[in-house]
C-alpha atoms as a PDB file:
ATOM      1  CA  UNK A   1     121.869  55.251 111.854  1.00  0.00           C
ATOM      2  CA  UNK A   2     123.080  51.794 110.831  1.00  0.00           C
ATOM      3  CA  UNK A   3     120.662  49.307 109.375  1.00  0.00           C
ATOM      4  CA  UNK A   4     119.962  46.259 111.562  1.00  0.00           C
ATOM      5  CA  UNK A   5     120.620  42.892 109.953  1.00  0.00           C
ATOM      6  CA  UNK A   6     118.375  39.887 110.521  1.00  0.00           C
ATOM      7  CA  UNK A   7     119.404  36.969 112.714  1.00  0.00           C
ATOM      8  CA  UNK A   8     120.528  34.030 110.559  1.00  0.00           C
ATOM      9  CA  UNK A   9     119.059  30.664 111.523  1.00  0.00           C
ATOM     10  CA  UNK A  10     121.649  27.871 111.246  1.00  0.00           C
ATOM     11  CA  UNK A  11     119.676  24.974 112.697  1.00  0.00           C
ATOM     12  CA  UNK A  12     118.770  23.551 109.284  1.00  0.00           C
ATOM     13  CA  UNK A  13     122.443  23.495 108.175  1.00  0.00           C
ATOM     14  CA  UNK A  14     123.321  21.141 111.062  1.00  0.00           C
ATOM     15  CA  UNK A  15     126.734  22.680 111.728  1.00  0.00           C
ATOM     16  CA  UNK A  16     128.629  20.955 114.543  1.00  0.00           C
ATOM     17  CA  UNK A  17     132.096  21.275 116.028  1.00  0.00           C
ATOM     18  CA  UNK A  18     134.040  19.893 118.962  1.00  0.00           C
ATOM     19  CA  UNK A  19     135.894  22.110 121.415  1.00  0.00           C
ATOM     20  CA  UNK A  20     137.673  20.631 124.450  1.00  0.00           C
ATOM     21  CA  UNK A  21     135.962  17.240 123.917  1.00  0.00           C
ATOM     22  CA  UNK A  22     132.484  18.827 124.016  1.00  0.00           C
ATOM     23  CA  UNK A  23     130.147  18.816 121.001  1.00  0.00           C
ATOM     24  CA  UNK A  24     128.456  22.081 119.998  1.00  0.00           C
ATOM     25  CA  UNK A  25     125.651  22.637 117.473  1.00  0.00           C
ATOM     26  CA  UNK A  26     125.048  26.069 115.966  1.00  0.00           C
ATOM     27  CA  UNK A  27     121.495  27.372 116.333  1.00  0.00           C
ATOM     28  CA  UNK A  28     121.627  30.985 115.084  1.00  0.00           C
ATOM     29  CA  UNK A  29     123.993  33.849 114.282  1.00  0.00           C
ATOM     30  CA  UNK A  30     123.389  37.511 115.099  1.00  0.00           C
ATOM     31  CA  UNK A  31     125.500  39.666 112.719  1.00  0.00           C
ATOM     32  CA  UNK A  32     124.653  42.850 114.655  1.00  0.00           C
ATOM     33  CA  UNK A  33     126.520  41.729 117.770  1.00  0.00           C
ATOM     34  CA  UNK A  34     128.661  39.034 116.065  1.00  0.00           C
ATOM     35  CA  UNK A  35     127.427  36.381 118.510  1.00  0.00           C
ATOM     36  CA  UNK A  36     125.972  32.892 118.170  1.00  0.00           C
ATOM     37  CA  UNK A  37     123.427  30.780 119.965  1.00  0.00           C
ATOM     38  CA  UNK A  38     124.767  27.262 120.529  1.00  0.00           C
ATOM     39  CA  UNK A  39     123.530  23.973 121.895  1.00  0.00           C
ATOM     40  CA  UNK A  40     126.188  22.346 124.074  1.00  0.00           C
ATOM     41  CA  UNK A  41     125.904  18.563 124.149  1.00  0.00           C
ATOM     42  CA  UNK A  42     127.838  17.293 127.129  1.00  0.00           C
ATOM     43  CA  UNK A  43     127.769  13.698 128.379  1.00  0.00           C
ATOM     44  CA  UNK A  44     124.157  13.564 129.578  1.00  0.00           C
ATOM     45  CA  UNK A  45     122.985  17.159 129.500  1.00  0.00           C
ATOM     46  CA  UNK A  46     122.060  19.745 126.894  1.00  0.00           C
ATOM     47  CA  UNK A  47     122.773  23.400 127.577  1.00  0.00           C
ATOM     48  CA  UNK A  48     121.930  26.429 125.453  1.00  0.00           C
ATOM     49  CA  UNK A  49     124.606  29.087 125.234  1.00  0.00           C
ATOM     50  CA  UNK A  50     123.607  32.551 124.045  1.00  0.00           C
ATOM     51  CA  UNK A  51     126.041  35.348 123.156  1.00  0.00           C
ATOM     52  CA  UNK A  52     128.915  33.030 122.189  1.00  0.00           C
ATOM     53  CA  UNK A  53     131.524  35.226 120.433  1.00  0.00           C
ATOM     54  CA  UNK A  54     132.032  34.585 116.716  1.00  0.00           C
ATOM     55  CA  UNK A  55     135.792  35.087 117.178  1.00  0.00           C
ATOM     56  CA  UNK A  56     136.010  31.966 119.372  1.00  0.00           C
ATOM     57  CA  UNK A  57     134.783  29.608 116.638  1.00  0.00           C
ATOM     58  CA  UNK A  58     137.210  27.258 114.888  1.00  0.00           C
ATOM     59  CA  UNK A  59     138.483  28.571 111.542  1.00  0.00           C
ATOM     60  CA  UNK A  60     136.642  25.903 109.503  1.00  0.00           C
ATOM     61  CA  UNK A  61     133.291  26.874 111.033  1.00  0.00           C
ATOM     62  CA  UNK A  62     133.903  30.604 110.467  1.00  0.00           C
ATOM     63  CA  UNK A  63     134.252  29.891 106.739  1.00  0.00           C
ATOM     64  CA  UNK A  64     130.836  28.180 106.702  1.00  0.00           C
ATOM     65  CA  UNK A  65     128.976  30.887 108.651  1.00  0.00           C
ATOM     66  CA  UNK A  66     130.489  33.893 106.745  1.00  0.00           C
ATOM     67  CA  UNK A  67     129.294  36.989 108.627  1.00  0.00           C
ATOM     68  CA  UNK A  68     129.408  39.342 105.605  1.00  0.00           C
END
C-alpha cells in the first residue's frame, strides 16, 4: 500500500497568480490527489475553491509548488 504524503501548507509563502482577470491565492497543496485549495479574490467577494487541479496552474506557479 502506498504511503500517504502530508498536505503542504502554502499560505505563508503568499503565492498569487491571475487567471482570466481574477486573482487567486494558494492555501494548500495535497500531493496525494494533486489538488490545491485556493482563495479566489473577485471584485468584492472571496471564495474558497477546494480540489483545484494542479495541472491547471500556470507554469511559473508549478515551478514554485514542486509536487515531488
